[in-house]
Amino acid sequence: MISKKLQRARDFEKKYLRYTEEEQPGFHVTGGIGWINDPNGFAPYQGEYHLFFQYYPYDTKWGPMHWGHVKTRDFIKWERLPAALAPDSEYDRDGCFSGGAVELPDGRHLLMYTGVRNVRRRNGKLQAFQTQCIAIGDGVDYEKLAANPVIDAELLPEGGSTEDFRDPKIWREGDKYYAVIGNRSADGSGTILLYESDDAMHWRYVSVLSACHNQYGRMWECPDFFHLDEKDVLITSPQEMSAIGLEFHPGNANVCLVGHFDPNIHHLNREWVQAIDYGLDFYAPQTLLTSDGRRVMIGWMQNWETSSCKPQELRFMGQMTLPRELSIRNRRLYQNPVRELEKYRGVKIDYYNVLINGETSLRGISGRSLDMTVTVRPGNESSMYKWFRLYVARDGEHFTMIRFRPDTSTIKVDRTHSGFPHDIVNIREFPACVHNGELKLRVIMDRYSLELFVNDGESAASFVLYTPADASAISFTSEGAVLVDVEKYDLEMD
């Protein structure tokens, strides 16, 4: 049964989505109209890959959360489906927050999400109650379970918060279902709780999978837990993070914890911790396992600190990253664009051993929808260059700069002149290594975005850009001689 609130959202989409088609990026998911944030329910279903997202269609600001919905076969071209959930029940009246999805053995599609209900206390304070709920459907229409919520305060460990208890990620393993859920513990910091079920409807608390202890931010949101290349990986998004060197930036951040899961105590024993993405715009990632065995991740290509910063004329706010294939190598989480992107490459333009010492532009190297790899190495055997800079999305007024300094082994991305009409943080610096004398930069651009992959996925950085679409020049400059290889493809979505 479709509620009045959900039908209203679907009618709104049907009426207004057609007016925003020309504003959309070519291959990055948006809500089409209105606001989106966290990816939800990113999982296979009946031979396709479905993606839901936190959604408020009526404004470009955060509002009572619905679930928007798209699906794909190749992670590049997406089909828009009607909104899937609306806050239309007593237990989720103030929002259907983030969650996951799984296909049931009988072919039905199960969504697990956080229902939010705010209550005004006698002292005037608004208190949120967050519980975990289920809706089941056929890939388009979903009906909420009569027994909702299925996980509430009775299944919290001692000291667990009912206000910060959200974002279940569900999966099936063998004949059981599992879910990880973010929570705030008695010490005020984040924990990830593990739950188990025989039927995905009735749940029992298992353990604290991992705890923050105020080391990496405070509340841990949007967890995901999976096995990858003989390691167990927990990804989460901390709030109130303090900067730690160049690895973690302050505010709303992202963290990857890698180690081994101890099945006896149901706990992740950490081996190392790293940032997932070093850019200004990346939060709340989710992963899925493809039919051919790849672990693919997608994230919200935005951040709460920048979420009100867009040109007034745009009728949508927020987009997702390009889906990325994950692997573990050399004690690091690697990520690269899904290989399906290569099917959309146009004519190849390449240059080899171009000597740069000063500023240079190359014929045919420009654009705003492109896949470009730049390999940089010293051009002088007797002296190292001081820095190398790559400028993209450039015209007489605008540009975004990517700079590498070999003496500090750092990359700096500066989007100060990238069209933001607000005074916000626009510069991010992060570590990068030279391998066999070379640095490799892969740049993916899609109208409003720049995604940078360093050294075949050793690190990644995501940035939203609002530079005018006709600002498409690209140039190279250095202090000291460098040799550069460039391989560039325009991306063709038609």
Foldseek 3Di string as FASTA:
>chain_A
DQDPQLVVQQVVCVPPLVVQVVVDWQFWDFLSFAEWFWWAAQEDAPQKTKIWTFGDRPHLDDAATFIFIWIGNQLGDIHGARTEGGLDDQQQVRHFAHEHWDQAPVRKIKTKTWGWHWDQDPVRDIAIFIAIWMWIGRRHYTHTDPPPPQGGPVQDPPQWDRRQWTYWYWDDDDQKIKIWIWIFGNVQAIWIWIWIDRHVRHIHTQAGQDTCSCPAAGTWHQWDWDDAPNKIKIKTWHAQGPDDPQFFHGGTFIKMFIAHQDVVRRYGDGDDMTGAAQAQFWHNKDWYADPVGWIKIKTWRHHPQCQVWDPPVNRHTTTMDQIWTWHDDPNAIFTDHRPSQVVQFDDKDKDFFDKAAFKDFDPPPKAQAKKKKKKKFAPDPVDRFQKKKKWWLADPQAIWIWMAGQVQQKIKIARVRQDTPDPDDGMGMHHHDADPRMKMWIWGGTQQWIKIAIPNGRHIYIDGGDRPRPSMGMMMHTNHIMTMMMIMTGGHSD
